Amino acid sequence: MKWTTGTAAASALFTTDATFEDLTSHTTVVGQPAIQGFLNRSCRLLPYGLGTAIRHIVGSAQGGGYERRKQGALVDHGVIALELDEHAIISGLTTVWDGLLVDDATITTLLAATIER
């Protein structure tokens, strides 16, 4: 499917033992293969997935973060923090967004995407 190319490219930016943490959904995914699987299953659901634009960036060689926007999304903004290793590869990603803007069914569907099958 078309979006898996994008998720493969995105997950390739992570170290093999990277941590991907979504504070709003209380989800932590560890390891590049697991991150790619999570992104494949959830990219259409995530408020920071497909169609996201960067609004503001801060950071340095060790990492940083950005504020993101997603036009027309229920949760149209949030922040993402990145930790980089010595080779400028992502070793940690932490995101937070306003979970009160989505219903319980959406959160449940997102959490189901964390399960590897």
PDB file of N, CA and C in Angstrom:
ATOM      1  N   MET A   1       0.839  -1.182   0.000  1.00  0.00           N
ATOM      2  CA  MET A   1       0.000   0.000   0.000  1.00  0.00           C
ATOM      3  C   MET A   1       0.884   1.246   0.000  1.00  0.00           C
ATOM      4  N   LYS A   2       0.351   2.314  -0.480  1.00  0.00           N
ATOM      5  CA  LYS A   2       1.108   3.530  -0.705  1.00  0.00           C
ATOM      6  C   LYS A   2       1.754   4.091   0.553  1.00  0.00           C
ATOM      7  N   TRP A   3       1.053   4.131   1.677  1.00  0.00           N
ATOM      8  CA  TRP A   3       1.592   4.753   2.888  1.00  0.00           C
ATOM      9  C   TRP A   3       2.717   3.942   3.506  1.00  0.00           C
ATOM     10  N   THR A   4       2.832   2.637   3.223  1.00  0.00           N
ATOM     11  CA  THR A   4       3.902   1.838   3.825  1.00  0.00           C
ATOM     12  C   THR A   4       5.270   2.284   3.342  1.00  0.00           C
ATOM     13  N   THR A   5       5.358   2.833   2.146  1.00  0.00           N
ATOM     14  CA  THR A   5       6.626   3.389   1.672  1.00  0.00           C
ATOM     15  C   THR A   5       7.042   4.548   2.563  1.00  0.00           C
ATOM     16  N   GLY A   6       6.101   5.399   2.918  1.00  0.00           N
ATOM     17  CA  GLY A   6       6.383   6.526   3.801  1.00  0.00           C
ATOM     18  C   GLY A   6       6.751   6.092   5.210  1.00  0.00           C
ATOM     19  N   THR A   7       6.061   5.071   5.722  1.00  0.00           N
ATOM     20  CA  THR A   7       6.373   4.615   7.072  1.00  0.00           C
ATOM     21  C   THR A   7       7.713   3.899   7.109  1.00  0.00           C
ATOM     22  N   ALA A   8       8.081   3.210   6.032  1.00  0.00           N
ATOM     23  CA  ALA A   8       9.402   2.570   5.961  1.00  0.00           C
ATOM     24  C   ALA A   8      10.492   3.635   5.957  1.00  0.00           C
ATOM     25  N   ALA A   9      10.271   4.702   5.197  1.00  0.00           N
ATOM     26  CA  ALA A   9      11.245   5.795   5.154  1.00  0.00           C
ATOM     27  C   ALA A   9      11.334   6.487   6.506  1.00  0.00           C
ATOM     28  N   ALA A  10      10.194   6.692   7.152  1.00  0.00           N
ATOM     29  CA  ALA A  10      10.192   7.342   8.466  1.00  0.00           C
ATOM     30  C   ALA A  10      10.898   6.473   9.500  1.00  0.00           C
ATOM     31  N   SER A  11      10.603   5.186   9.521  1.00  0.00           N
ATOM     32  CA  SER A  11      11.222   4.315  10.525  1.00  0.00           C
ATOM     33  C   SER A  11      12.709   4.134  10.281  1.00  0.00           C
ATOM     34  N   ALA A  12      13.167   4.313   9.049  1.00  0.00           N
ATOM     35  CA  ALA A  12      14.595   4.220   8.739  1.00  0.00           C
ATOM     36  C   ALA A  12      15.396   5.356   9.392  1.00  0.00           C
ATOM     37  N   LEU A  13      14.724   6.395   9.847  1.00  0.00           N
ATOM     38  CA  LEU A  13      15.393   7.509  10.520  1.00  0.00           C
ATOM     39  C   LEU A  13      15.726   7.199  11.975  1.00  0.00           C
ATOM     40  N   PHE A  14      15.255   6.046  12.484  1.00  0.00           N
ATOM     41  CA  PHE A  14      15.442   5.659  13.883  1.00  0.00           C
ATOM     42  C   PHE A  14      16.594   4.667  14.034  1.00  0.00           C
ATOM     43  N   THR A  15      17.263   4.711  15.194  1.00  0.00           N
ATOM     44  CA  THR A  15      18.257   3.699  15.522  1.00  0.00           C
ATOM     45  C   THR A  15      17.544   2.363  15.726  1.00  0.00           C
ATOM     46  N   THR A  16      18.290   1.276  15.692  1.00  0.00           N
ATOM     47  CA  THR A  16      17.678  -0.045  15.836  1.00  0.00           C
ATOM     48  C   THR A  16      17.015  -0.230  17.201  1.00  0.00           C
ATOM     49  N   ASP A  17      17.507   0.487  18.229  1.00  0.00           N
ATOM     50  CA  ASP A  17      16.952   0.350  19.583  1.00  0.00           C
ATOM     51  C   ASP A  17      16.208   1.602  20.049  1.00  0.00           C
ATOM     52  N   ALA A  18      15.734   2.387  19.113  1.00  0.00           N
ATOM     53  CA  ALA A  18      15.045   3.647  19.432  1.00  0.00           C
ATOM     54  C   ALA A  18      13.765   3.414  20.217  1.00  0.00           C
ATOM     55  N   THR A  19      13.328   4.477  20.898  1.00  0.00           N
ATOM     56  CA  THR A  19      12.071   4.470  21.642  1.00  0.00           C
ATOM     57  C   THR A  19      11.141   5.512  21.038  1.00  0.00           C
ATOM     58  N   PHE A  20       9.908   5.100  20.764  1.00  0.00           N
ATOM     59  CA  PHE A  20       8.867   5.963  20.222  1.00  0.00           C
ATOM     60  C   PHE A  20       7.777   6.024  21.288  1.00  0.00           C
ATOM     61  N   GLU A  21       7.543   7.216  21.843  1.00  0.00           N
ATOM     62  CA  GLU A  21       6.610   7.340  22.956  1.00  0.00           C
ATOM     63  C   GLU A  21       5.528   8.378  22.660  1.00  0.00           C
ATOM     64  N   ASP A  22       4.289   7.950  22.764  1.00  0.00           N
ATOM     65  CA  ASP A  22       3.145   8.842  22.624  1.00  0.00           C
ATOM     66  C   ASP A  22       2.560   9.009  24.025  1.00  0.00           C
ATOM     67  N   LEU A  23       2.804  10.164  24.638  1.00  0.00           N
ATOM     68  CA  LEU A  23       2.374  10.385  26.020  1.00  0.00           C
ATOM     69  C   LEU A  23       0.861  10.418  26.168  1.00  0.00           C
ATOM     70  N   THR A  24       0.165  10.908  25.167  1.00  0.00           N
ATOM     71  CA  THR A  24      -1.289  11.015  25.248  1.00  0.00           C
ATOM     72  C   THR A  24      -1.949   9.646  25.284  1.00  0.00           C
ATOM     73  N   SER A  25      -1.499   8.747  24.437  1.00  0.00           N
ATOM     74  CA  SER A  25      -2.112   7.414  24.390  1.00  0.00           C
ATOM     75  C   SER A  25      -1.421   6.426  25.329  1.00  0.00           C
ATOM     76  N   HIS A  26      -0.411   6.896  26.062  1.00  0.00           N
ATOM     77  CA  HIS A  26       0.345   6.044  26.986  1.00  0.00           C
ATOM     78  C   HIS A  26       0.938   4.848  26.254  1.00  0.00           C
ATOM     79  N   THR A  27       1.514   5.122  25.082  1.00  0.00           N
ATOM     80  CA  THR A  27       2.086   4.086  24.226  1.00  0.00           C
ATOM     81  C   THR A  27       3.590   4.270  24.126  1.00  0.00           C
ATOM     82  N   THR A  28       4.334   3.180  24.314  1.00  0.00           N
ATOM     83  CA  THR A  28       5.772   3.177  24.089  1.00  0.00           C
ATOM     84  C   THR A  28       6.105   2.004  23.188  1.00  0.00           C
ATOM     85  N   VAL A  29       6.802   2.287  22.103  1.00  0.00           N
ATOM     86  CA  VAL A  29       7.220   1.263  21.147  1.00  0.00           C
ATOM     87  C   VAL A  29       8.741   1.314  21.096  1.00  0.00           C
ATOM     88  N   VAL A  30       9.387   0.140  21.226  1.00  0.00           N
ATOM     89  CA  VAL A  30      10.843   0.091  21.285  1.00  0.00           C
ATOM     90  C   VAL A  30      11.387  -0.736  20.125  1.00  0.00           C
ATOM     91  N   GLY A  31      12.358  -0.175  19.421  1.00  0.00           N
ATOM     92  CA  GLY A  31      13.032  -0.868  18.331  1.00  0.00           C
ATOM     93  C   GLY A  31      12.501  -0.452  16.977  1.00  0.00           C
ATOM     94  N   GLN A  32      13.419  -0.297  16.032  1.00  0.00           N
ATOM     95  CA  GLN A  32      13.052   0.161  14.701  1.00  0.00           C
ATOM     96  C   GLN A  32      12.011  -0.723  14.008  1.00  0.00           C
ATOM     97  N   PRO A  33      12.129  -2.058  14.053  1.00  0.00           N
ATOM     98  CA  PRO A  33      11.093  -2.880  13.401  1.00  0.00           C
ATOM     99  C   PRO A  33       9.707  -2.683  14.038  1.00  0.00           C
ATOM    100  N   ALA A  34       9.656  -2.577  15.365  1.00  0.00           N
ATOM    101  CA  ALA A  34       8.373  -2.365  16.047  1.00  0.00           C
ATOM    102  C   ALA A  34       7.807  -0.987  15.733  1.00  0.00           C
ATOM    103  N   ILE A  35       8.680   0.004  15.629  1.00  0.00           N
ATOM    104  CA  ILE A  35       8.233   1.355  15.266  1.00  0.00           C
ATOM    105  C   ILE A  35       7.636   1.349  13.864  1.00  0.00           C
ATOM    106  N   GLN A  36       8.299   0.686  12.927  1.00  0.00           N
ATOM    107  CA  GLN A  36       7.762   0.622  11.570  1.00  0.00           C
ATOM    108  C   GLN A  36       6.408  -0.085  11.557  1.00  0.00           C
ATOM    109  N   GLY A  37       6.278  -1.179  12.286  1.00  0.00           N
ATOM    110  CA  GLY A  37       5.007  -1.879  12.351  1.00  0.00           C
ATOM    111  C   GLY A  37       3.911  -1.008  12.937  1.00  0.00           C
ATOM    112  N   PHE A  38       4.231  -0.292  14.027  1.00  0.00           N
ATOM    113  CA  PHE A  38       3.259   0.602  14.643  1.00  0.00           C
ATOM    114  C   PHE A  38       2.833   1.690  13.669  1.00  0.00           C
ATOM    115  N   LEU A  39       3.793   2.280  12.977  1.00  0.00           N
ATOM    116  CA  LEU A  39       3.457   3.331  12.009  1.00  0.00           C
ATOM    117  C   LEU A  39       2.618   2.783  10.864  1.00  0.00           C
ATOM    118  N   ASN A  40       2.933   1.574  10.394  1.00  0.00           N
ATOM    119  CA  ASN A  40       2.122   0.961   9.334  1.00  0.00           C
ATOM    120  C   ASN A  40       0.674   0.799   9.770  1.00  0.00           C
ATOM    121  N   ARG A  41       0.470   0.352  11.002  1.00  0.00           N
ATOM    122  CA  ARG A  41      -0.880   0.081  11.490  1.00  0.00           C
ATOM    123  C   ARG A  41      -1.637   1.343  11.901  1.00  0.00           C
ATOM    124  N   SER A  42      -0.924   2.404  12.247  1.00  0.00           N
ATOM    125  CA  SER A  42      -1.593   3.546  12.860  1.00  0.00           C
ATOM    126  C   SER A  42      -1.481   4.868  12.102  1.00  0.00           C
ATOM    127  N   CYS A  43      -0.738   4.910  11.007  1.00  0.00           N
ATOM    128  CA  CYS A  43      -0.474   6.217  10.375  1.00  0.00           C
ATOM    129  C   CYS A  43      -1.739   6.962   9.962  1.00  0.00           C
ATOM    130  N   ARG A  44      -2.785   6.250   9.632  1.00  0.00           N
ATOM    131  CA  ARG A  44      -4.039   6.928   9.252  1.00  0.00           C
ATOM    132  C   ARG A  44      -4.795   7.460  10.462  1.00  0.00           C
ATOM    133  N   LEU A  45      -4.483   6.929  11.647  1.00  0.00           N
ATOM    134  CA  LEU A  45      -5.185   7.319  12.869  1.00  0.00           C
ATOM    135  C   LEU A  45      -4.485   8.438  13.629  1.00  0.00           C
ATOM    136  N   LEU A  46      -3.179   8.499  13.514  1.00  0.00           N
ATOM    137  CA  LEU A  46      -2.390   9.412  14.335  1.00  0.00           C
ATOM    138  C   LEU A  46      -2.603  10.868  13.950  1.00  0.00           C
ATOM    139  N   PRO A  47      -2.765  11.730  14.940  1.00  0.00           N
ATOM    140  CA  PRO A  47      -2.905  13.152  14.613  1.00  0.00           C
ATOM    141  C   PRO A  47      -1.601  13.752  14.109  1.00  0.00           C
ATOM    142  N   TYR A  48      -0.500  13.037  14.249  1.00  0.00           N
ATOM    143  CA  TYR A  48       0.799  13.500  13.742  1.00  0.00           C
ATOM    144  C   TYR A  48       1.263  12.632  12.585  1.00  0.00           C
ATOM    145  N   GLY A  49       0.333  11.941  11.931  1.00  0.00           N
ATOM    146  CA  GLY A  49       0.657  11.062  10.812  1.00  0.00           C
ATOM    147  C   GLY A  49       0.620  11.786   9.475  1.00  0.00           C
ATOM    148  N   LEU A  50       0.037  11.127   8.502  1.00  0.00           N
ATOM    149  CA  LEU A  50      -0.014  11.652   7.137  1.00  0.00           C
ATOM    150  C   LEU A  50      -0.630  13.041   7.081  1.00  0.00           C
ATOM    151  N   GLY A  51      -0.060  13.909   6.269  1.00  0.00           N
ATOM    152  CA  GLY A  51      -0.596  15.245   6.072  1.00  0.00           C
ATOM    153  C   GLY A  51      -0.188  16.275   7.112  1.00  0.00           C
ATOM    154  N   THR A  52       0.763  15.923   7.961  1.00  0.00           N
ATOM    155  CA  THR A  52       1.210  16.826   9.020  1.00  0.00           C
ATOM    156  C   THR A  52       2.215  17.838   8.471  1.00  0.00           C
ATOM    157  N   ALA A  53       2.112  19.064   8.925  1.00  0.00           N
ATOM    158  CA  ALA A  53       3.053  20.116   8.540  1.00  0.00           C
ATOM    159  C   ALA A  53       3.770  20.628   9.788  1.00  0.00           C
ATOM    160  N   ILE A  54       4.989  21.061   9.612  1.00  0.00           N
ATOM    161  CA  ILE A  54       5.772  21.603  10.720  1.00  0.00           C
ATOM    162  C   ILE A  54       5.466  23.085  10.859  1.00  0.00           C
ATOM    163  N   ARG A  55       5.208  23.496  12.085  1.00  0.00           N
ATOM    164  CA  ARG A  55       4.870  24.896  12.365  1.00  0.00           C
ATOM    165  C   ARG A  55       6.044  25.654  12.967  1.00  0.00           C
ATOM    166  N   HIS A  56       6.781  25.026  13.884  1.00  0.00           N
ATOM    167  CA  HIS A  56       7.876  25.712  14.584  1.00  0.00           C
ATOM    168  C   HIS A  56       8.910  24.659  14.992  1.00  0.00           C
ATOM    169  N   ILE A  57      10.194  24.965  14.842  1.00  0.00           N
ATOM    170  CA  ILE A  57      11.267  24.018  15.161  1.00  0.00           C
ATOM    171  C   ILE A  57      12.236  24.659  16.151  1.00  0.00           C
ATOM    172  N   VAL A  58      12.700  23.856  17.120  1.00  0.00           N
ATOM    173  CA  VAL A  58      13.787  24.259  18.020  1.00  0.00           C
ATOM    174  C   VAL A  58      14.722  23.066  18.158  1.00  0.00           C
ATOM    175  N   GLY A  59      16.002  23.337  18.426  1.00  0.00           N
ATOM    176  CA  GLY A  59      16.889  22.212  18.648  1.00  0.00           C
ATOM    177  C   GLY A  59      18.346  22.492  18.380  1.00  0.00           C
ATOM    178  N   SER A  60      19.116  21.403  18.481  1.00  0.00           N
ATOM    179  CA  SER A  60      20.549  21.446  18.277  1.00  0.00           C
ATOM    180  C   SER A  60      20.996  20.090  17.741  1.00  0.00           C
ATOM    181  N   ALA A  61      22.293  19.839  17.737  1.00  0.00           N
ATOM    182  CA  ALA A  61      22.829  18.575  17.238  1.00  0.00           C
ATOM    183  C   ALA A  61      22.413  17.394  18.105  1.00  0.00           C
ATOM    184  N   GLN A  62      22.056  17.633  19.362  1.00  0.00           N
ATOM    185  CA  GLN A  62      21.649  16.547  20.255  1.00  0.00           C
ATOM    186  C   GLN A  62      20.166  16.189  20.121  1.00  0.00           C
ATOM    187  N   GLY A  63      19.424  17.039  19.456  1.00  0.00           N
ATOM    188  CA  GLY A  63      17.995  16.801  19.294  1.00  0.00           C
ATOM    189  C   GLY A  63      17.230  18.095  19.375  1.00  0.00           C
ATOM    190  N   GLY A  64      15.948  17.973  19.538  1.00  0.00           N
ATOM    191  CA  GLY A  64      15.120  19.162  19.597  1.00  0.00           C
ATOM    192  C   GLY A  64      13.674  18.762  19.486  1.00  0.00           C
ATOM    193  N   GLY A  65      12.894  19.643  18.932  1.00  0.00           N
ATOM    194  CA  GLY A  65      11.487  19.337  18.805  1.00  0.00           C
ATOM    195  C   GLY A  65      10.826  20.264  17.817  1.00  0.00           C
ATOM    196  N   TYR A  66       9.584  19.954  17.571  1.00  0.00           N
ATOM    197  CA  TYR A  66       8.817  20.815  16.693  1.00  0.00           C
ATOM    198  C   TYR A  66       7.346  20.774  17.048  1.00  0.00           C
ATOM    199  N   GLU A  67       6.699  21.871  16.737  1.00  0.00           N
ATOM    200  CA  GLU A  67       5.246  21.950  16.860  1.00  0.00           C
ATOM    201  C   GLU A  67       4.696  21.595  15.492  1.00  0.00           C
ATOM    202  N   ARG A  68       3.683  20.752  15.479  1.00  0.00           N
ATOM    203  CA  ARG A  68       3.130  20.324  14.207  1.00  0.00           C
ATOM    204  C   ARG A  68       1.664  20.712  14.096  1.00  0.00           C
ATOM    205  N   ARG A  69       1.218  20.797  12.851  1.00  0.00           N
ATOM    206  CA  ARG A  69      -0.180  21.097  12.557  1.00  0.00           C
ATOM    207  C   ARG A  69      -0.673  20.107  11.517  1.00  0.00           C
ATOM    208  N   LYS A  70      -1.956  19.824  11.582  1.00  0.00           N
ATOM    209  CA  LYS A  70      -2.572  18.953  10.581  1.00  0.00           C
ATOM    210  C   LYS A  70      -3.921  19.551  10.233  1.00  0.00           C
ATOM    211  N   GLN A  71      -3.962  20.244   9.122  1.00  0.00           N
ATOM    212  CA  GLN A  71      -5.178  20.930   8.679  1.00  0.00           C
ATOM    213  C   GLN A  71      -6.356  19.968   8.592  1.00  0.00           C
ATOM    214  N   GLY A  72      -7.487  20.381   9.126  1.00  0.00           N
ATOM    215  CA  GLY A  72      -8.712  19.615   9.032  1.00  0.00           C
ATOM    216  C   GLY A  72      -8.813  18.437   9.988  1.00  0.00           C
ATOM    217  N   ALA A  73      -7.780  18.181  10.772  1.00  0.00           N
ATOM    218  CA  ALA A  73      -7.812  17.066  11.715  1.00  0.00           C
ATOM    219  C   ALA A  73      -8.539  17.476  12.985  1.00  0.00           C
ATOM    220  N   LEU A  74      -9.111  16.512  13.660  1.00  0.00           N
ATOM    221  CA  LEU A  74      -9.778  16.769  14.931  1.00  0.00           C
ATOM    222  C   LEU A  74      -8.781  17.336  15.944  1.00  0.00           C
ATOM    223  N   VAL A  75      -7.608  16.739  15.987  1.00  0.00           N
ATOM    224  CA  VAL A  75      -6.507  17.235  16.818  1.00  0.00           C
ATOM    225  C   VAL A  75      -5.526  17.877  15.849  1.00  0.00           C
ATOM    226  N   ASP A  76      -5.641  19.184  15.673  1.00  0.00           N
ATOM    227  CA  ASP A  76      -4.893  19.843  14.600  1.00  0.00           C
ATOM    228  C   ASP A  76      -3.519  20.354  14.994  1.00  0.00           C
ATOM    229  N   HIS A  77      -3.075  20.115  16.238  1.00  0.00           N
ATOM    230  CA  HIS A  77      -1.739  20.557  16.622  1.00  0.00           C
ATOM    231  C   HIS A  77      -1.215  19.693  17.775  1.00  0.00           C
ATOM    232  N   GLY A  78       0.088  19.741  17.963  1.00  0.00           N
ATOM    233  CA  GLY A  78       0.751  18.996  19.024  1.00  0.00           C
ATOM    234  C   GLY A  78       2.248  19.229  18.923  1.00  0.00           C
ATOM    235  N   VAL A  79       2.995  18.579  19.785  1.00  0.00           N
ATOM    236  CA  VAL A  79       4.452  18.749  19.766  1.00  0.00           C
ATOM    237  C   VAL A  79       5.135  17.385  19.742  1.00  0.00           C
ATOM    238  N   ILE A  80       6.321  17.379  19.155  1.00  0.00           N
ATOM    239  CA  ILE A  80       7.149  16.184  19.072  1.00  0.00           C
ATOM    240  C   ILE A  80       8.567  16.569  19.463  1.00  0.00           C
ATOM    241  N   ALA A  81       9.157  15.796  20.379  1.00  0.00           N
ATOM    242  CA  ALA A  81      10.549  15.993  20.792  1.00  0.00           C
ATOM    243  C   ALA A  81      11.376  14.838  20.256  1.00  0.00           C
ATOM    244  N   LEU A  82      12.578  15.156  19.789  1.00  0.00           N
ATOM    245  CA  LEU A  82      13.475  14.148  19.219  1.00  0.00           C
ATOM    246  C   LEU A  82      14.792  14.124  19.964  1.00  0.00           C
ATOM    247  N   GLU A  83      15.284  12.927  20.257  1.00  0.00           N
ATOM    248  CA  GLU A  83      16.630  12.736  20.791  1.00  0.00           C
ATOM    249  C   GLU A  83      17.445  12.086  19.684  1.00  0.00           C
ATOM    250  N   LEU A  84      18.660  12.585  19.473  1.00  0.00           N
ATOM    251  CA  LEU A  84      19.526  12.063  18.416  1.00  0.00           C
ATOM    252  C   LEU A  84      20.758  11.399  19.013  1.00  0.00           C
ATOM    253  N   ASP A  85      21.266  10.364  18.327  1.00  0.00           N
ATOM    254  CA  ASP A  85      22.512   9.750  18.775  1.00  0.00           C
ATOM    255  C   ASP A  85      23.685  10.521  18.174  1.00  0.00           C
ATOM    256  N   GLU A  86      24.897  10.020  18.370  1.00  0.00           N
ATOM    257  CA  GLU A  86      26.098  10.721  17.902  1.00  0.00           C
ATOM    258  C   GLU A  86      26.191  10.792  16.382  1.00  0.00           C
ATOM    259  N   HIS A  87      25.361  10.005  15.678  1.00  0.00           N
ATOM    260  CA  HIS A  87      25.344  10.017  14.211  1.00  0.00           C
ATOM    261  C   HIS A  87      24.136  10.789  13.670  1.00  0.00           C
ATOM    262  N   ALA A  88      23.451  11.518  14.543  1.00  0.00           N
ATOM    263  CA  ALA A  88      22.264  12.318  14.196  1.00  0.00           C
ATOM    264  C   ALA A  88      21.106  11.442  13.713  1.00  0.00           C
ATOM    265  N   ILE A  89      21.017  10.226  14.268  1.00  0.00           N
ATOM    266  CA  ILE A  89      19.903   9.327  13.990  1.00  0.00           C
ATOM    267  C   ILE A  89      18.987   9.362  15.210  1.00  0.00           C
ATOM    268  N   ILE A  90      17.692   9.302  14.996  1.00  0.00           N
ATOM    269  CA  ILE A  90      16.725   9.423  16.090  1.00  0.00           C
ATOM    270  C   ILE A  90      16.823   8.216  17.024  1.00  0.00           C
ATOM    271  N   SER A  91      17.126   8.492  18.287  1.00  0.00           N
ATOM    272  CA  SER A  91      17.158   7.431  19.300  1.00  0.00           C
ATOM    273  C   SER A  91      15.925   7.486  20.196  1.00  0.00           C
ATOM    274  N   GLY A  92      15.217   8.595  20.153  1.00  0.00           N
ATOM    275  CA  GLY A  92      14.004   8.734  20.951  1.00  0.00           C
ATOM    276  C   GLY A  92      13.071   9.769  20.347  1.00  0.00           C
ATOM    277  N   LEU A  93      11.806   9.457  20.322  1.00  0.00           N
ATOM    278  CA  LEU A  93      10.771  10.392  19.882  1.00  0.00           C
ATOM    279  C   LEU A  93       9.682  10.367  20.938  1.00  0.00           C
ATOM    280  N   THR A  94       9.297  11.555  21.386  1.00  0.00           N
ATOM    281  CA  THR A  94       8.210  11.693  22.352  1.00  0.00           C
ATOM    282  C   THR A  94       7.221  12.709  21.797  1.00  0.00           C
ATOM    283  N   THR A  95       5.951  12.354  21.822  1.00  0.00           N
ATOM    284  CA  THR A  95       4.932  13.264  21.312  1.00  0.00           C
ATOM    285  C   THR A  95       3.796  13.412  22.321  1.00  0.00           C
ATOM    286  N   VAL A  96       3.148  14.547  22.261  1.00  0.00           N
ATOM    287  CA  VAL A  96       1.963  14.794  23.088  1.00  0.00           C
ATOM    288  C   VAL A  96       0.986  15.638  22.271  1.00  0.00           C
ATOM    289  N   TRP A  97      -0.288  15.330  22.463  1.00  0.00           N
ATOM    290  CA  TRP A  97      -1.370  16.034  21.776  1.00  0.00           C
ATOM    291  C   TRP A  97      -2.593  15.990  22.676  1.00  0.00           C
ATOM    292  N   ASP A  98      -3.608  16.759  22.365  1.00  0.00           N
ATOM    293  CA  ASP A  98      -4.780  16.880  23.230  1.00  0.00           C
ATOM    294  C   ASP A  98      -5.755  15.735  22.988  1.00  0.00           C
ATOM    295  N   GLY A  99      -5.654  14.697  23.803  1.00  0.00           N
ATOM    296  CA  GLY A  99      -6.517  13.533  23.673  1.00  0.00           C
ATOM    297  C   GLY A  99      -7.966  13.792  24.019  1.00  0.00           C
ATOM    298  N   LEU A 100      -8.257  14.905  24.671  1.00  0.00           N
ATOM    299  CA  LEU A 100      -9.655  15.232  25.003  1.00  0.00           C
ATOM    300  C   LEU A 100     -10.470  15.617  23.765  1.00  0.00           C
ATOM    301  N   LEU A 101      -9.767  15.866  22.659  1.00  0.00           N
ATOM    302  CA  LEU A 101     -10.460  16.266  21.439  1.00  0.00           C
ATOM    303  C   LEU A 101     -10.985  15.085  20.632  1.00  0.00           C
ATOM    304  N   VAL A 102     -10.637  13.867  21.034  1.00  0.00           N
ATOM    305  CA  VAL A 102     -11.122  12.679  20.317  1.00  0.00           C
ATOM    306  C   VAL A 102     -11.949  11.807  21.260  1.00  0.00           C
ATOM    307  N   ASP A 103     -12.825  11.011  20.689  1.00  0.00           N
ATOM    308  CA  ASP A 103     -13.693  10.168  21.515  1.00  0.00           C
ATOM    309  C   ASP A 103     -12.969   8.889  21.945  1.00  0.00           C
ATOM    310  N   ASP A 104     -13.581   8.190  22.875  1.00  0.00           N
ATOM    311  CA  ASP A 104     -12.986   6.963  23.409  1.00  0.00           C
ATOM    312  C   ASP A 104     -12.764   5.909  22.334  1.00  0.00           C
ATOM    313  N   ALA A 105     -13.672   5.812  21.382  1.00  0.00           N
ATOM    314  CA  ALA A 105     -13.542   4.815  20.320  1.00  0.00           C
ATOM    315  C   ALA A 105     -12.284   5.057  19.487  1.00  0.00           C
ATOM    316  N   THR A 106     -11.966   6.311  19.229  1.00  0.00           N
ATOM    317  CA  THR A 106     -10.767   6.641  18.464  1.00  0.00           C
ATOM    318  C   THR A 106      -9.510   6.257  19.244  1.00  0.00           C
ATOM    319  N   ILE A 107      -9.495   6.557  20.530  1.00  0.00           N
ATOM    320  CA  ILE A 107      -8.354   6.183  21.370  1.00  0.00           C
ATOM    321  C   ILE A 107      -8.206   4.666  21.410  1.00  0.00           C
ATOM    322  N   THR A 108      -9.305   3.948  21.541  1.00  0.00           N
ATOM    323  CA  THR A 108      -9.272   2.487  21.577  1.00  0.00           C
ATOM    324  C   THR A 108      -8.734   1.926  20.263  1.00  0.00           C
ATOM    325  N   THR A 109      -9.159   2.487  19.146  1.00  0.00           N
ATOM    326  CA  THR A 109      -8.671   2.051  17.845  1.00  0.00           C
ATOM    327  C   THR A 109      -7.173   2.312  17.711  1.00  0.00           C
ATOM    328  N   LEU A 110      -6.728   3.458  18.197  1.00  0.00           N
ATOM    329  CA  LEU A 110      -5.301   3.787  18.163  1.00  0.00           C
ATOM    330  C   LEU A 110      -4.513   2.802  19.029  1.00  0.00           C
ATOM    331  N   LEU A 111      -5.014   2.499  20.202  1.00  0.00           N
ATOM    332  CA  LEU A 111      -4.320   1.552  21.086  1.00  0.00           C
ATOM    333  C   LEU A 111      -4.282   0.151  20.478  1.00  0.00           C
ATOM    334  N   ALA A 112      -5.310  -0.229  19.755  1.00  0.00           N
ATOM    335  CA  ALA A 112      -5.317  -1.534  19.094  1.00  0.00           C
ATOM    336  C   ALA A 112      -4.197  -1.621  18.058  1.00  0.00           C
ATOM    337  N   ALA A 113      -3.810  -0.491  17.480  1.00  0.00           N
ATOM    338  CA  ALA A 113      -2.738  -0.469  16.491  1.00  0.00           C
ATOM    339  C   ALA A 113      -1.372  -0.732  17.113  1.00  0.00           C
ATOM    340  N   THR A 114      -1.283  -0.692  18.438  1.00  0.00           N
ATOM    341  CA  THR A 114      -0.004  -0.965  19.087  1.00  0.00           C
ATOM    342  C   THR A 114       0.258  -2.466  19.191  1.00  0.00           C
ATOM    343  N   ILE A 115      -0.739  -3.275  18.944  1.00  0.00           N
ATOM    344  CA  ILE A 115      -0.612  -4.724  19.080  1.00  0.00           C
ATOM    345  C   ILE A 115      -0.033  -5.314  17.802  1.00  0.00           C
ATOM    346  N   GLU A 116       1.096  -6.002  17.921  1.00  0.00           N
ATOM    347  CA  GLU A 116       1.695  -6.682  16.780  1.00  0.00           C
ATOM    348  C   GLU A 116       0.956  -7.983  16.539  1.00  0.00           C
ATOM    349  N   ARG A 117       0.666  -8.262  15.295  1.00  0.00           N
ATOM    350  CA  ARG A 117      -0.077  -9.497  14.963  1.00  0.00           C
ATOM    351  C   ARG A 117       0.791 -10.467  14.243  1.00  0.00           C
TER     352      ARG A 117
END
